[in-house]
Each structure stands twice: as C-alpha cells, then as structure tokens.
Amino acid sequence: MFIIGELINGMYSNIAAAIKEKDKAAIQKCALEQIKCGADALDINCGPASKQPVVDIQWLVEAVREVTDKTLCLDSSKPQVIESGLKAAGSGSIINSTTADPEKLGLLIPLAKKYNAGLIGLTISAKGIPQNRDQRLELAATIVSACADQDFSTENLYLDPIVMPVNVAQTQMRDILESIREFKIISEPSPKTVVGLSNVSQGTSARNLINRTFLTMAVAFGLDAAILDPLDKDLVDALITAELILNKNIYCDSYLEAYRRK
C-alpha cells in the first residue's frame, strides 16, 4: 500500500498557523513525523484560509524539500496553484486532483505530462457525486479515455471512487468497494486506485474504528493507495496486517516492525 500522509493541510489549525507565520520548523516536524510512521508520500494543501495559495504552496514544498525527497502530492482545485507546487517539488510528484470534466482534464493531463507527475482522477463531474457503481465506472472510463487521447500512461493514473461518509451514504459503501476492483480492468496497463480515507468517517462518533475497518476491506478489494493519517498507529497496523493476510508480505513474529523498516 502506498500511504500518502494527509496532515500538511491548511484545514488543520496548526498548519494554517504555520503557513501564516511562515514557521518552517512546524511544517518540517509534521513531514518527518508522518514519514517516521510509514508515509510513502506527503499531501500538501494550503487550505481554504490561505490568501496567497500560489505563493504558499511553493513555500510549503520548499520547506518540506529541505528535510525529505519523498513524493509530494500537490492538492488544490486551482491549476495555477498545482503548477506552482510542481515547479518547486520536481519530477515524480502527484497532482491531486482532476475530475472527469473535459475542461479540467484538458488542463491537468498536460500539466502532469509537462512535470512528469502522477495524476489522481476523481470519479466526479459537474453533475455531482456518482450515486452507484455504474456511474463511477462511466466517469472512470471518461478519465482513462482522456488520458489515452493525450498519451498519458494509465500507469501514472490513480482513480478515486469518491468515498462518502457512511452516516449519510451507507447504501453506497459496497458499490464504492466494488468500484475499486473494477477500475483495475478498465485499461491495460491498469490504473492505480486511491481513496481519501477520512471521508468515510466524517461526522461519525467512531471515526478511528470506521476508518480502520473500511481501509482493511478496501485493501481486500485491491486498493493501491490511500490518503490518511499515518500517525494513527492502529490504522497503519491494521493495514499492514491486512496485507499480510492477503500474502503481500512474509510473516514473522515482528512483522509490524519489519514492515515499517523496509
């Protein structure tokens, strides 16, 4: 599983304050803590409070780049903000994200090619969030087709089925999980799959348990990556154990420690 740490996000008060005060040490501490706990990549998001997101994302990336060369996942709805981050982050980053709308695809696929970046494609359109598996597959196919038309390899594409909060969309949960498996057969080479995990528990009273349970189920359906909180030790332990049970890792009594060391 490719773990993308979610915590460098201006929606969190500590990160918003660090951006405002240009507190580089706080950002670097957050980056290193997530990597120590198992993050393979770091999501970078200025958040809604940023007054100058084009400048702020560049500052965030430069601060993180001083302490790690891990993959950075640049998170914004504005292409100009994404490009500012890509310029600072270097080759091999991930754009988070495009939707299935032709206008958005027409802007962000060329940007991914220009900077040799991966691309997260959300199965959502101007009509809104899909309500069933068939709608998700149709939108996923639209994204894959646009990538093919623009000669962007699906090996560098991550498809997101759009995880909904279980307390308002309980009937969609199985469709979301089955979409993860079916996205893998849309094209050859197969696109990867990713979820924003914390969405599933938004507004619930048992967030950690719901996140942990959904993640282990998603792994069984073939999930490749997740944007999550790597500081949640029980969550990461459940992920490692799920992959062990699926024979993706070799068992030893200290398998949790061994996984984190690799």
Protein backbone atom coordinates (compact mmCIF):
# COMPACT_ATOMS: atom_id res chain seq x y z
CA MET A 1 0.00 0.00 0.00
CA PHE A 2 1.21 3.45 -0.96
CA ILE A 3 0.49 5.67 2.06
CA ILE A 4 0.01 9.40 1.43
CA GLY A 5 0.16 11.38 4.67
CA GLU A 6 -2.71 13.86 4.92
CA LEU A 7 -1.57 16.18 7.71
CA ILE A 8 0.18 19.06 5.90
CA ASN A 9 -3.14 20.72 5.19
CA GLY A 10 -4.18 24.27 5.99
CA MET A 11 -7.55 22.95 7.18
CA TYR A 12 -5.74 21.92 10.36
CA SER A 13 -5.27 24.87 12.72
CA ASN A 14 -1.60 24.11 13.46
CA ILE A 15 -0.70 24.01 9.77
CA ALA A 16 -2.78 27.13 9.00
CA ALA A 17 -0.90 28.97 11.76
CA ALA A 18 2.46 27.71 10.48
CA ILE A 19 1.65 28.94 6.95
CA LYS A 20 0.55 32.34 8.26
CA GLU A 21 3.63 32.74 10.46
CA LYS A 22 5.98 31.06 7.95
CA ASP A 23 7.01 28.62 10.68
CA LYS A 24 9.15 26.25 8.65
CA ALA A 25 10.09 24.11 11.64
CA ALA A 26 6.45 23.19 12.34
CA ILE A 27 5.92 22.06 8.75
CA GLN A 28 9.13 20.03 8.71
CA LYS A 29 8.26 18.39 12.03
CA CYS A 30 4.86 17.32 10.63
CA ALA A 31 6.52 15.95 7.49
CA LEU A 32 9.12 13.92 9.37
CA GLU A 33 6.62 12.53 11.90
CA GLN A 34 4.44 11.20 9.07
CA ILE A 35 7.40 9.63 7.29
CA LYS A 36 8.60 8.01 10.52
CA CYS A 37 5.15 6.44 10.94
CA GLY A 38 5.11 4.96 7.43
CA ALA A 39 4.11 7.64 4.90
CA ASP A 40 5.48 6.99 1.40
CA ALA A 41 4.32 10.41 0.18
CA LEU A 42 3.01 13.64 1.67
CA ASP A 43 -0.11 15.52 0.63
CA ILE A 44 0.47 19.28 0.52
CA ASN A 45 -2.59 21.53 0.74
CA CYS A 46 -2.63 25.24 1.66
CA GLY A 47 -6.21 25.02 2.83
CA PRO A 48 -9.09 27.48 2.43
CA ALA A 49 -7.60 30.14 4.72
CA SER A 50 -4.59 30.81 2.50
CA LYS A 51 -4.73 34.28 0.99
CA GLN A 52 -1.92 33.59 -1.50
CA PRO A 53 -2.08 29.86 -2.32
CA VAL A 54 0.26 30.14 -5.34
CA VAL A 55 2.97 31.53 -3.06
CA ASP A 56 2.07 29.45 -0.02
CA ILE A 57 2.21 26.07 -1.75
CA GLN A 58 5.66 26.91 -3.10
CA TRP A 59 6.80 27.83 0.42
CA LEU A 60 5.35 24.60 1.84
CA VAL A 61 7.04 22.47 -0.80
CA GLU A 62 10.40 24.18 -0.32
CA ALA A 63 10.17 23.73 3.46
CA VAL A 64 9.40 20.02 3.10
CA ARG A 65 12.07 19.53 0.42
CA GLU A 66 14.72 20.68 2.91
CA VAL A 67 14.13 17.57 5.02
CA THR A 68 12.92 14.84 2.61
CA ASP A 69 12.86 13.79 -1.02
CA LYS A 70 9.66 11.74 -0.58
CA THR A 71 6.98 12.02 -3.25
CA LEU A 72 4.75 15.07 -2.78
CA CYS A 73 1.04 15.02 -3.63
CA LEU A 74 0.04 18.58 -4.53
CA ASP A 75 -3.54 19.22 -3.50
CA SER A 76 -5.57 22.11 -4.91
CA SER A 77 -8.61 22.75 -7.10
CA LYS A 78 -6.70 25.53 -8.91
CA PRO A 79 -4.30 24.53 -11.73
CA GLN A 80 -2.10 27.59 -11.17
CA VAL A 81 -1.56 26.55 -7.56
CA ILE A 82 -0.73 23.00 -8.63
CA GLU A 83 1.81 24.24 -11.17
CA SER A 84 3.48 26.48 -8.60
CA GLY A 85 3.93 23.46 -6.35
CA LEU A 86 5.16 21.26 -9.19
CA LYS A 87 7.86 23.76 -10.10
CA ALA A 88 9.21 23.59 -6.55
CA ALA A 89 8.69 19.86 -5.96
CA GLY A 90 10.39 18.45 -9.04
CA SER A 91 9.73 15.38 -11.17
CA GLY A 92 7.76 12.45 -9.78
CA SER A 93 5.14 14.38 -7.83
CA ILE A 94 1.40 13.63 -7.91
CA ILE A 95 -1.36 16.06 -8.88
CA ASN A 96 -4.34 15.90 -6.54
CA SER A 97 -6.61 16.10 -8.47
CA THR A 98 -8.69 16.27 -11.63
CA THR A 99 -12.36 15.46 -12.09
CA ALA A 100 -13.92 13.82 -15.13
CA ASP A 101 -14.91 17.18 -16.61
CA PRO A 102 -13.31 17.70 -20.04
CA GLU A 103 -12.13 21.22 -19.17
CA LYS A 104 -10.30 20.02 -16.06
CA LEU A 105 -8.81 17.02 -17.86
CA GLY A 106 -7.67 19.29 -20.67
CA LEU A 107 -5.72 21.42 -18.21
CA LEU A 108 -4.29 18.88 -15.79
CA ILE A 109 -3.25 15.98 -18.02
CA PRO A 110 -0.83 18.23 -19.97
CA LEU A 111 0.43 19.61 -16.66
CA ALA A 112 1.13 16.07 -15.40
CA LYS A 113 2.99 15.28 -18.63
CA LYS A 114 4.99 18.52 -18.52
CA TYR A 115 6.27 17.86 -14.99
CA ASN A 116 6.45 14.04 -15.19
CA ALA A 117 3.85 13.77 -12.43
CA GLY A 118 1.23 11.24 -11.46
CA LEU A 119 -2.43 12.26 -11.55
CA ILE A 120 -5.35 11.48 -9.24
CA GLY A 121 -8.66 11.33 -11.13
CA LEU A 122 -11.81 11.80 -9.07
CA THR A 123 -14.86 10.00 -10.42
CA ILE A 124 -17.00 13.09 -10.13
CA SER A 125 -18.37 15.52 -12.72
CA ALA A 126 -20.21 18.81 -12.95
CA LYS A 127 -23.39 16.80 -12.32
CA GLY A 128 -22.14 15.92 -8.87
CA ILE A 129 -21.08 12.84 -6.94
CA PRO A 130 -21.95 9.46 -8.53
CA GLN A 131 -24.68 7.53 -6.77
CA ASN A 132 -23.82 3.99 -7.83
CA ARG A 133 -21.10 1.73 -9.23
CA ASP A 134 -22.15 2.16 -12.86
CA GLN A 135 -21.86 5.94 -12.65
CA ARG A 136 -18.42 5.62 -11.05
CA LEU A 137 -17.25 3.27 -13.79
CA GLU A 138 -18.56 5.57 -16.51
CA LEU A 139 -16.66 8.54 -15.06
CA ALA A 140 -13.53 6.43 -14.55
CA ALA A 141 -13.71 5.37 -18.21
CA THR A 142 -14.02 9.03 -19.23
CA ILE A 143 -10.83 9.87 -17.33
CA VAL A 144 -8.94 6.89 -18.76
CA SER A 145 -10.09 7.75 -22.29
CA ALA A 146 -8.90 11.35 -21.90
CA CYS A 147 -5.51 10.09 -20.71
CA ALA A 148 -5.26 7.80 -23.75
CA ASP A 149 -6.20 10.64 -26.10
CA GLN A 150 -3.43 12.79 -24.62
CA ASP A 151 -0.85 9.99 -24.50
CA PHE A 152 -0.67 9.93 -20.71
CA SER A 153 0.06 6.44 -19.39
CA THR A 154 -2.52 4.95 -17.06
CA GLU A 155 0.42 3.54 -15.07
CA ASN A 156 0.69 7.09 -13.69
CA LEU A 157 -3.03 7.48 -13.06
CA TYR A 158 -4.79 6.98 -9.72
CA LEU A 159 -8.58 6.63 -9.84
CA ASP A 160 -10.59 7.69 -6.79
CA PRO A 161 -14.13 6.24 -6.44
CA ILE A 162 -15.12 9.10 -4.09
CA VAL A 163 -15.61 7.74 -0.61
CA MET A 164 -18.73 9.10 1.06
CA PRO A 165 -19.46 9.39 4.80
CA VAL A 166 -21.05 6.17 5.99
CA ASN A 167 -23.57 8.05 8.14
CA VAL A 168 -25.18 9.66 5.07
CA ALA A 169 -24.36 7.21 2.27
CA GLN A 170 -24.34 3.79 3.88
CA THR A 171 -26.03 2.20 0.86
CA GLN A 172 -23.13 3.28 -1.37
CA MET A 173 -20.35 1.62 0.60
CA ARG A 174 -20.39 -1.71 -1.21
CA ASP A 175 -20.55 -0.01 -4.61
CA ILE A 176 -17.52 2.08 -3.69
CA LEU A 177 -15.55 -1.01 -2.69
CA GLU A 178 -16.56 -2.92 -5.82
CA SER A 179 -15.59 0.07 -7.97
CA ILE A 180 -12.04 -0.20 -6.64
CA ARG A 181 -11.78 -3.72 -8.04
CA GLU A 182 -13.46 -2.90 -11.34
CA PHE A 183 -11.36 0.20 -12.04
CA LYS A 184 -8.38 -2.14 -12.45
CA ILE A 185 -9.83 -3.78 -15.57
CA ILE A 186 -10.75 -0.59 -17.46
CA SER A 187 -7.46 -0.45 -19.33
CA GLU A 188 -4.10 -2.07 -19.88
CA PRO A 189 -1.89 -1.10 -18.15
CA SER A 190 -4.27 -0.82 -15.23
CA PRO A 191 -4.73 2.48 -13.44
CA LYS A 192 -3.98 2.53 -9.73
CA THR A 193 -6.69 3.19 -7.14
CA VAL A 194 -6.70 5.65 -4.25
CA VAL A 195 -9.14 6.91 -1.61
CA GLY A 196 -9.28 9.86 0.74
CA LEU A 197 -9.86 7.65 3.73
CA SER A 198 -11.04 10.14 6.35
CA ASN A 199 -14.13 10.97 4.27
CA VAL A 200 -15.74 7.65 5.20
CA SER A 201 -15.98 8.58 8.89
CA GLN A 202 -16.75 12.29 8.58
CA GLY A 203 -19.43 13.31 11.06
CA THR A 204 -19.45 9.99 12.91
CA SER A 205 -18.67 9.27 16.54
CA ALA A 206 -16.36 6.29 15.92
CA ARG A 207 -14.03 7.76 13.32
CA ASN A 208 -10.91 5.69 14.00
CA LEU A 209 -12.78 2.38 14.00
CA ILE A 210 -14.70 3.19 10.82
CA ASN A 211 -11.54 4.35 9.03
CA ARG A 212 -9.68 1.21 10.08
CA THR A 213 -12.45 -1.18 9.05
CA PHE A 214 -13.08 0.45 5.69
CA LEU A 215 -9.36 0.52 4.88
CA THR A 216 -8.87 -3.20 5.55
CA MET A 217 -11.90 -4.01 3.40
CA ALA A 218 -10.64 -1.73 0.60
CA VAL A 219 -7.26 -3.48 0.67
CA ALA A 220 -9.06 -6.77 0.07
CA PHE A 221 -10.77 -5.20 -2.97
CA GLY A 222 -7.38 -4.23 -4.40
CA LEU A 223 -6.80 -0.66 -3.19
CA ASP A 224 -3.32 0.61 -4.12
CA ALA A 225 -3.04 3.89 -2.19
CA ALA A 226 -4.77 5.94 0.48
CA ILE A 227 -4.55 9.48 1.76
CA LEU A 228 -4.71 9.01 5.52
CA ASP A 229 -3.30 9.92 8.91
CA PRO A 230 -0.13 7.81 9.32
CA LEU A 231 0.14 8.88 12.97
CA ASP A 232 -2.88 6.66 13.72
CA LYS A 233 -0.85 3.59 14.74
CA ASP A 234 -3.85 1.26 15.00
CA LEU A 235 -4.88 2.24 11.47
CA VAL A 236 -1.46 1.53 9.98
CA ASP A 237 -1.13 -1.70 11.98
CA ALA A 238 -4.49 -2.86 10.57
CA LEU A 239 -3.30 -2.01 7.05
CA ILE A 240 -0.06 -3.94 7.46
CA THR A 241 -1.93 -6.92 8.88
CA ALA A 242 -4.50 -6.89 6.08
CA GLU A 243 -1.71 -7.04 3.51
CA LEU A 244 -0.06 -9.85 5.48
CA ILE A 245 -3.28 -11.90 5.42
CA LEU A 246 -3.52 -11.30 1.66
CA ASN A 247 0.01 -12.76 1.34
CA LYS A 248 1.55 -9.48 0.19
CA ASN A 249 4.20 -9.66 2.93
CA ILE A 250 6.07 -12.54 4.55
CA TYR A 251 5.05 -13.42 8.09
CA CYS A 252 7.39 -13.17 11.06
CA ASP A 253 6.56 -12.52 14.71
CA SER A 254 7.85 -8.96 14.37
CA TYR A 255 6.11 -8.32 11.03
CA LEU A 256 4.80 -4.88 12.08
CA GLU A 257 8.28 -3.66 12.91
CA ALA A 258 9.74 -5.33 9.83
CA TYR A 259 7.23 -3.63 7.54
CA ARG A 260 7.99 -0.21 8.95
CA ARG A 261 11.73 -0.74 8.50
CA LYS A 262 11.57 -1.64 4.84
